[in-house]
Amino acid sequence: MRAAESHLELITAPTLVVHGHRDHPEIAAIAHRLAADIPGAHGHLVPDADHYLPLRTPDRLTDLLLAHLS
């Protein structure tokens, strides 16, 4: 991600950054960085979820995506 980091501020698309609270700490750090550095990005932490959000919390992820896209 190093090469992309300097370009995060150029992203203009509405951005939702989602990660699970039981995910690997490095993933959480990346998610926080993306949410902080992409203008207008929204970060969301899913409780009791790990890296496999679509498999383990599909309903919650679907709700977040639909809300973001509406």
PDB file of N, CA and C in Angstrom:
ATOM      1  N   MET A   1       0.820  -1.192   0.000  1.00  0.00           N
ATOM      2  CA  MET A   1       0.000   0.000   0.000  1.00  0.00           C
ATOM      3  C   MET A   1       0.859   1.248   0.000  1.00  0.00           C
ATOM      4  N   ARG A   2       2.108   1.145   0.211  1.00  0.00           N
ATOM      5  CA  ARG A   2       2.970   2.327   0.310  1.00  0.00           C
ATOM      6  C   ARG A   2       2.827   3.268  -0.888  1.00  0.00           C
ATOM      7  N   ALA A   3       2.843   2.753  -2.103  1.00  0.00           N
ATOM      8  CA  ALA A   3       2.754   3.617  -3.280  1.00  0.00           C
ATOM      9  C   ALA A   3       1.403   4.320  -3.339  1.00  0.00           C
ATOM     10  N   ALA A   4       0.366   3.688  -2.844  1.00  0.00           N
ATOM     11  CA  ALA A   4      -0.975   4.268  -2.902  1.00  0.00           C
ATOM     12  C   ALA A   4      -1.228   5.292  -1.799  1.00  0.00           C
ATOM     13  N   GLU A   5      -0.499   5.184  -0.698  1.00  0.00           N
ATOM     14  CA  GLU A   5      -0.775   6.050   0.449  1.00  0.00           C
ATOM     15  C   GLU A   5      -0.755   7.531   0.104  1.00  0.00           C
ATOM     16  N   SER A   6       0.148   7.934  -0.743  1.00  0.00           N
ATOM     17  CA  SER A   6       0.249   9.358  -1.071  1.00  0.00           C
ATOM     18  C   SER A   6      -0.896   9.825  -1.976  1.00  0.00           C
ATOM     19  N   HIS A   7      -1.688   8.898  -2.465  1.00  0.00           N
ATOM     20  CA  HIS A   7      -2.788   9.253  -3.369  1.00  0.00           C
ATOM     21  C   HIS A   7      -4.165   9.143  -2.715  1.00  0.00           C
ATOM     22  N   LEU A   8      -4.227   8.727  -1.463  1.00  0.00           N
ATOM     23  CA  LEU A   8      -5.520   8.547  -0.813  1.00  0.00           C
ATOM     24  C   LEU A   8      -6.332   9.834  -0.791  1.00  0.00           C
ATOM     25  N   GLU A   9      -5.683  10.943  -0.619  1.00  0.00           N
ATOM     26  CA  GLU A   9      -6.395  12.225  -0.561  1.00  0.00           C
ATOM     27  C   GLU A   9      -7.027  12.614  -1.895  1.00  0.00           C
ATOM     28  N   LEU A  10      -6.662  11.919  -2.962  1.00  0.00           N
ATOM     29  CA  LEU A  10      -7.217  12.211  -4.288  1.00  0.00           C
ATOM     30  C   LEU A  10      -8.505  11.447  -4.576  1.00  0.00           C
ATOM     31  N   ILE A  11      -8.859  10.515  -3.728  1.00  0.00           N
ATOM     32  CA  ILE A  11     -10.067   9.713  -3.949  1.00  0.00           C
ATOM     33  C   ILE A  11     -11.295  10.586  -3.713  1.00  0.00           C
ATOM     34  N   THR A  12     -12.185  10.596  -4.687  1.00  0.00           N
ATOM     35  CA  THR A  12     -13.389  11.417  -4.581  1.00  0.00           C
ATOM     36  C   THR A  12     -14.664  10.585  -4.479  1.00  0.00           C
ATOM     37  N   ALA A  13     -14.556   9.292  -4.682  1.00  0.00           N
ATOM     38  CA  ALA A  13     -15.737   8.421  -4.601  1.00  0.00           C
ATOM     39  C   ALA A  13     -16.160   8.264  -3.144  1.00  0.00           C
ATOM     40  N   PRO A  14     -17.459   8.203  -2.902  1.00  0.00           N
ATOM     41  CA  PRO A  14     -17.917   7.923  -1.539  1.00  0.00           C
ATOM     42  C   PRO A  14     -17.326   6.598  -1.074  1.00  0.00           C
ATOM     43  N   THR A  15     -16.722   6.608   0.089  1.00  0.00           N
ATOM     44  CA  THR A  15     -15.954   5.437   0.536  1.00  0.00           C
ATOM     45  C   THR A  15     -16.408   4.971   1.919  1.00  0.00           C
ATOM     46  N   LEU A  16     -16.640   3.676   2.007  1.00  0.00           N
ATOM     47  CA  LEU A  16     -16.966   3.040   3.273  1.00  0.00           C
ATOM     48  C   LEU A  16     -15.865   2.044   3.576  1.00  0.00           C
ATOM     49  N   VAL A  17     -15.264   2.171   4.735  1.00  0.00           N
ATOM     50  CA  VAL A  17     -14.187   1.273   5.161  1.00  0.00           C
ATOM     51  C   VAL A  17     -14.739   0.446   6.325  1.00  0.00           C
ATOM     52  N   VAL A  18     -14.817  -0.860   6.120  1.00  0.00           N
ATOM     53  CA  VAL A  18     -15.414  -1.752   7.112  1.00  0.00           C
ATOM     54  C   VAL A  18     -14.390  -2.791   7.536  1.00  0.00           C
ATOM     55  N   HIS A  19     -14.300  -3.020   8.831  1.00  0.00           N
ATOM     56  CA  HIS A  19     -13.466  -4.115   9.317  1.00  0.00           C
ATOM     57  C   HIS A  19     -14.065  -4.666  10.609  1.00  0.00           C
ATOM     58  N   GLY A  20     -13.696  -5.888  10.917  1.00  0.00           N
ATOM     59  CA  GLY A  20     -14.212  -6.537  12.113  1.00  0.00           C
ATOM     60  C   GLY A  20     -13.323  -6.289  13.315  1.00  0.00           C
ATOM     61  N   HIS A  21     -13.904  -6.226  14.481  1.00  0.00           N
ATOM     62  CA  HIS A  21     -13.120  -5.909  15.683  1.00  0.00           C
ATOM     63  C   HIS A  21     -12.207  -7.070  16.088  1.00  0.00           C
ATOM     64  N   ARG A  22     -12.424  -8.271  15.548  1.00  0.00           N
ATOM     65  CA  ARG A  22     -11.533  -9.396  15.837  1.00  0.00           C
ATOM     66  C   ARG A  22     -10.572  -9.675  14.680  1.00  0.00           C
ATOM     67  N   ASP A  23     -10.487  -8.746  13.753  1.00  0.00           N
ATOM     68  CA  ASP A  23      -9.564  -8.896  12.635  1.00  0.00           C
ATOM     69  C   ASP A  23      -8.130  -8.690  13.130  1.00  0.00           C
ATOM     70  N   HIS A  24      -7.187  -9.013  12.289  1.00  0.00           N
ATOM     71  CA  HIS A  24      -5.773  -8.839  12.622  1.00  0.00           C
ATOM     72  C   HIS A  24      -5.496  -7.361  12.892  1.00  0.00           C
ATOM     73  N   PRO A  25      -4.676  -7.033  13.879  1.00  0.00           N
ATOM     74  CA  PRO A  25      -4.391  -5.634  14.208  1.00  0.00           C
ATOM     75  C   PRO A  25      -3.866  -4.816  13.024  1.00  0.00           C
ATOM     76  N   GLU A  26      -3.128  -5.429  12.132  1.00  0.00           N
ATOM     77  CA  GLU A  26      -2.634  -4.687  10.967  1.00  0.00           C
ATOM     78  C   GLU A  26      -3.780  -4.266  10.047  1.00  0.00           C
ATOM     79  N   ILE A  27      -4.795  -5.108   9.932  1.00  0.00           N
ATOM     80  CA  ILE A  27      -5.962  -4.761   9.118  1.00  0.00           C
ATOM     81  C   ILE A  27      -6.696  -3.579   9.754  1.00  0.00           C
ATOM     82  N   ALA A  28      -6.820  -3.600  11.071  1.00  0.00           N
ATOM     83  CA  ALA A  28      -7.459  -2.477  11.764  1.00  0.00           C
ATOM     84  C   ALA A  28      -6.677  -1.184  11.528  1.00  0.00           C
ATOM     85  N   ALA A  29      -5.373  -1.253  11.582  1.00  0.00           N
ATOM     86  CA  ALA A  29      -4.542  -0.066  11.349  1.00  0.00           C
ATOM     87  C   ALA A  29      -4.731   0.465   9.929  1.00  0.00           C
ATOM     88  N   ILE A  30      -4.787  -0.435   8.967  1.00  0.00           N
ATOM     89  CA  ILE A  30      -5.014  -0.026   7.574  1.00  0.00           C
ATOM     90  C   ILE A  30      -6.391   0.606   7.427  1.00  0.00           C
ATOM     91  N   ALA A  31      -7.404  -0.018   8.036  1.00  0.00           N
ATOM     92  CA  ALA A  31      -8.762   0.525   7.948  1.00  0.00           C
ATOM     93  C   ALA A  31      -8.836   1.927   8.539  1.00  0.00           C
ATOM     94  N   HIS A  32      -8.196   2.128   9.684  1.00  0.00           N
ATOM     95  CA  HIS A  32      -8.185   3.461  10.302  1.00  0.00           C
ATOM     96  C   HIS A  32      -7.480   4.469   9.402  1.00  0.00           C
ATOM     97  N   ARG A  33      -6.390   4.054   8.813  1.00  0.00           N
ATOM     98  CA  ARG A  33      -5.638   4.952   7.922  1.00  0.00           C
ATOM     99  C   ARG A  33      -6.470   5.338   6.708  1.00  0.00           C
ATOM    100  N   LEU A  34      -7.133   4.355   6.101  1.00  0.00           N
ATOM    101  CA  LEU A  34      -7.978   4.642   4.937  1.00  0.00           C
ATOM    102  C   LEU A  34      -9.112   5.591   5.309  1.00  0.00           C
ATOM    103  N   ALA A  35      -9.783   5.311   6.398  1.00  0.00           N
ATOM    104  CA  ALA A  35     -10.902   6.167   6.817  1.00  0.00           C
ATOM    105  C   ALA A  35     -10.446   7.582   7.143  1.00  0.00           C
ATOM    106  N   ALA A  36      -9.242   7.711   7.674  1.00  0.00           N
ATOM    107  CA  ALA A  36      -8.722   9.035   8.038  1.00  0.00           C
ATOM    108  C   ALA A  36      -8.210   9.808   6.834  1.00  0.00           C
ATOM    109  N   ASP A  37      -7.620   9.117   5.872  1.00  0.00           N
ATOM    110  CA  ASP A  37      -6.935   9.810   4.783  1.00  0.00           C
ATOM    111  C   ASP A  37      -7.738   9.974   3.497  1.00  0.00           C
ATOM    112  N   ILE A  38      -8.824   9.234   3.361  1.00  0.00           N
ATOM    113  CA  ILE A  38      -9.689   9.410   2.187  1.00  0.00           C
ATOM    114  C   ILE A  38     -10.735  10.456   2.557  1.00  0.00           C
ATOM    115  N   PRO A  39     -10.787  11.554   1.815  1.00  0.00           N
ATOM    116  CA  PRO A  39     -11.728  12.625   2.148  1.00  0.00           C
ATOM    117  C   PRO A  39     -13.172  12.122   2.213  1.00  0.00           C
ATOM    118  N   GLY A  40     -13.838  12.410   3.318  1.00  0.00           N
ATOM    119  CA  GLY A  40     -15.236  12.049   3.467  1.00  0.00           C
ATOM    120  C   GLY A  40     -15.497  10.577   3.714  1.00  0.00           C
ATOM    121  N   ALA A  41     -14.459   9.784   3.851  1.00  0.00           N
ATOM    122  CA  ALA A  41     -14.654   8.346   4.075  1.00  0.00           C
ATOM    123  C   ALA A  41     -15.305   8.095   5.425  1.00  0.00           C
ATOM    124  N   HIS A  42     -16.078   7.037   5.473  1.00  0.00           N
ATOM    125  CA  HIS A  42     -16.725   6.620   6.712  1.00  0.00           C
ATOM    126  C   HIS A  42     -16.158   5.265   7.104  1.00  0.00           C
ATOM    127  N   GLY A  43     -15.694   5.165   8.325  1.00  0.00           N
ATOM    128  CA  GLY A  43     -15.191   3.900   8.844  1.00  0.00           C
ATOM    129  C   GLY A  43     -16.221   3.256   9.745  1.00  0.00           C
ATOM    130  N   HIS A  44     -16.294   1.938   9.685  1.00  0.00           N
ATOM    131  CA  HIS A  44     -17.226   1.223  10.549  1.00  0.00           C
ATOM    132  C   HIS A  44     -16.571  -0.050  11.066  1.00  0.00           C
ATOM    133  N   LEU A  45     -16.622  -0.216  12.364  1.00  0.00           N
ATOM    134  CA  LEU A  45     -16.104  -1.402  13.022  1.00  0.00           C
ATOM    135  C   LEU A  45     -17.285  -2.322  13.330  1.00  0.00           C
ATOM    136  N   VAL A  46     -17.218  -3.553  12.854  1.00  0.00           N
ATOM    137  CA  VAL A  46     -18.295  -4.516  13.093  1.00  0.00           C
ATOM    138  C   VAL A  46     -17.936  -5.354  14.319  1.00  0.00           C
ATOM    139  N   PRO A  47     -18.735  -5.259  15.379  1.00  0.00           N
ATOM    140  CA  PRO A  47     -18.452  -6.037  16.589  1.00  0.00           C
ATOM    141  C   PRO A  47     -18.545  -7.543  16.315  1.00  0.00           C
ATOM    142  N   ASP A  48     -17.766  -8.302  17.040  1.00  0.00           N
ATOM    143  CA  ASP A  48     -17.795  -9.766  16.956  1.00  0.00           C
ATOM    144  C   ASP A  48     -17.592 -10.299  15.547  1.00  0.00           C
ATOM    145  N   ALA A  49     -16.799  -9.597  14.749  1.00  0.00           N
ATOM    146  CA  ALA A  49     -16.520 -10.037  13.382  1.00  0.00           C
ATOM    147  C   ALA A  49     -15.015 -10.094  13.163  1.00  0.00           C
ATOM    148  N   ASP A  50     -14.616 -10.967  12.269  1.00  0.00           N
ATOM    149  CA  ASP A  50     -13.204 -11.064  11.924  1.00  0.00           C
ATOM    150  C   ASP A  50     -13.024 -10.637  10.463  1.00  0.00           C
ATOM    151  N   HIS A  51     -12.036 -11.165   9.800  1.00  0.00           N
ATOM    152  CA  HIS A  51     -11.706 -10.750   8.438  1.00  0.00           C
ATOM    153  C   HIS A  51     -12.732 -11.227   7.402  1.00  0.00           C
ATOM    154  N   TYR A  52     -13.524 -12.222   7.747  1.00  0.00           N
ATOM    155  CA  TYR A  52     -14.469 -12.804   6.794  1.00  0.00           C
ATOM    156  C   TYR A  52     -15.880 -12.253   6.984  1.00  0.00           C
ATOM    157  N   LEU A  53     -16.013 -10.948   6.905  1.00  0.00           N
ATOM    158  CA  LEU A  53     -17.301 -10.297   7.119  1.00  0.00           C
ATOM    159  C   LEU A  53     -18.412 -10.860   6.240  1.00  0.00           C
ATOM    160  N   PRO A  54     -18.190 -11.068   4.944  1.00  0.00           N
ATOM    161  CA  PRO A  54     -19.284 -11.586   4.112  1.00  0.00           C
ATOM    162  C   PRO A  54     -19.738 -12.992   4.516  1.00  0.00           C
ATOM    163  N   LEU A  55     -18.855 -13.762   5.119  1.00  0.00           N
ATOM    164  CA  LEU A  55     -19.207 -15.122   5.523  1.00  0.00           C
ATOM    165  C   LEU A  55     -19.790 -15.182   6.929  1.00  0.00           C
ATOM    166  N   ARG A  56     -19.254 -14.380   7.830  1.00  0.00           N
ATOM    167  CA  ARG A  56     -19.634 -14.492   9.238  1.00  0.00           C
ATOM    168  C   ARG A  56     -20.722 -13.495   9.667  1.00  0.00           C
ATOM    169  N   THR A  57     -20.786 -12.344   9.017  1.00  0.00           N
ATOM    170  CA  THR A  57     -21.790 -11.335   9.364  1.00  0.00           C
ATOM    171  C   THR A  57     -22.420 -10.764   8.092  1.00  0.00           C
ATOM    172  N   PRO A  58     -22.942 -11.624   7.224  1.00  0.00           N
ATOM    173  CA  PRO A  58     -23.437 -11.133   5.931  1.00  0.00           C
ATOM    174  C   PRO A  58     -24.589 -10.140   6.062  1.00  0.00           C
ATOM    175  N   ASP A  59     -25.486 -10.357   7.005  1.00  0.00           N
ATOM    176  CA  ASP A  59     -26.618  -9.433   7.145  1.00  0.00           C
ATOM    177  C   ASP A  59     -26.157  -8.049   7.573  1.00  0.00           C
ATOM    178  N   ARG A  60     -25.242  -7.998   8.523  1.00  0.00           N
ATOM    179  CA  ARG A  60     -24.736  -6.698   8.988  1.00  0.00           C
ATOM    180  C   ARG A  60     -23.970  -5.991   7.871  1.00  0.00           C
ATOM    181  N   LEU A  61     -23.153  -6.729   7.153  1.00  0.00           N
ATOM    182  CA  LEU A  61     -22.401  -6.129   6.055  1.00  0.00           C
ATOM    183  C   LEU A  61     -23.341  -5.627   4.962  1.00  0.00           C
ATOM    184  N   THR A  62     -24.347  -6.416   4.633  1.00  0.00           N
ATOM    185  CA  THR A  62     -25.330  -5.993   3.627  1.00  0.00           C
ATOM    186  C   THR A  62     -26.027  -4.713   4.058  1.00  0.00           C
ATOM    187  N   ASP A  63     -26.429  -4.638   5.320  1.00  0.00           N
ATOM    188  CA  ASP A  63     -27.080  -3.422   5.831  1.00  0.00           C
ATOM    189  C   ASP A  63     -26.165  -2.209   5.694  1.00  0.00           C
ATOM    190  N   LEU A  64     -24.896  -2.381   6.038  1.00  0.00           N
ATOM    191  CA  LEU A  64     -23.947  -1.267   5.928  1.00  0.00           C
ATOM    192  C   LEU A  64     -23.773  -0.824   4.478  1.00  0.00           C
ATOM    193  N   LEU A  65     -23.632  -1.792   3.584  1.00  0.00           N
ATOM    194  CA  LEU A  65     -23.430  -1.459   2.169  1.00  0.00           C
ATOM    195  C   LEU A  65     -24.654  -0.787   1.575  1.00  0.00           C
ATOM    196  N   LEU A  66     -25.841  -1.302   1.874  1.00  0.00           N
ATOM    197  CA  LEU A  66     -27.054  -0.698   1.340  1.00  0.00           C
ATOM    198  C   LEU A  66     -27.251   0.723   1.871  1.00  0.00           C
ATOM    199  N   ALA A  67     -26.959   0.936   3.140  1.00  0.00           N
ATOM    200  CA  ALA A  67     -27.058   2.285   3.705  1.00  0.00           C
ATOM    201  C   ALA A  67     -26.054   3.225   3.042  1.00  0.00           C
ATOM    202  N   HIS A  68     -24.874   2.722   2.803  1.00  0.00           N
ATOM    203  CA  HIS A  68     -23.837   3.544   2.176  1.00  0.00           C
ATOM    204  C   HIS A  68     -24.200   3.892   0.731  1.00  0.00           C
ATOM    205  N   LEU A  69     -24.792   2.966   0.032  1.00  0.00           N
ATOM    206  CA  LEU A  69     -25.106   3.167  -1.377  1.00  0.00           C
ATOM    207  C   LEU A  69     -26.410   3.914  -1.613  1.00  0.00           C
ATOM    208  N   SER A  70     -27.210   4.076  -0.589  1.00  0.00           N
ATOM    209  CA  SER A  70     -28.504   4.758  -0.783  1.00  0.00           C
ATOM    210  C   SER A  70     -28.383   6.260  -0.640  1.00  0.00           C
TER     211      SER A  70
END
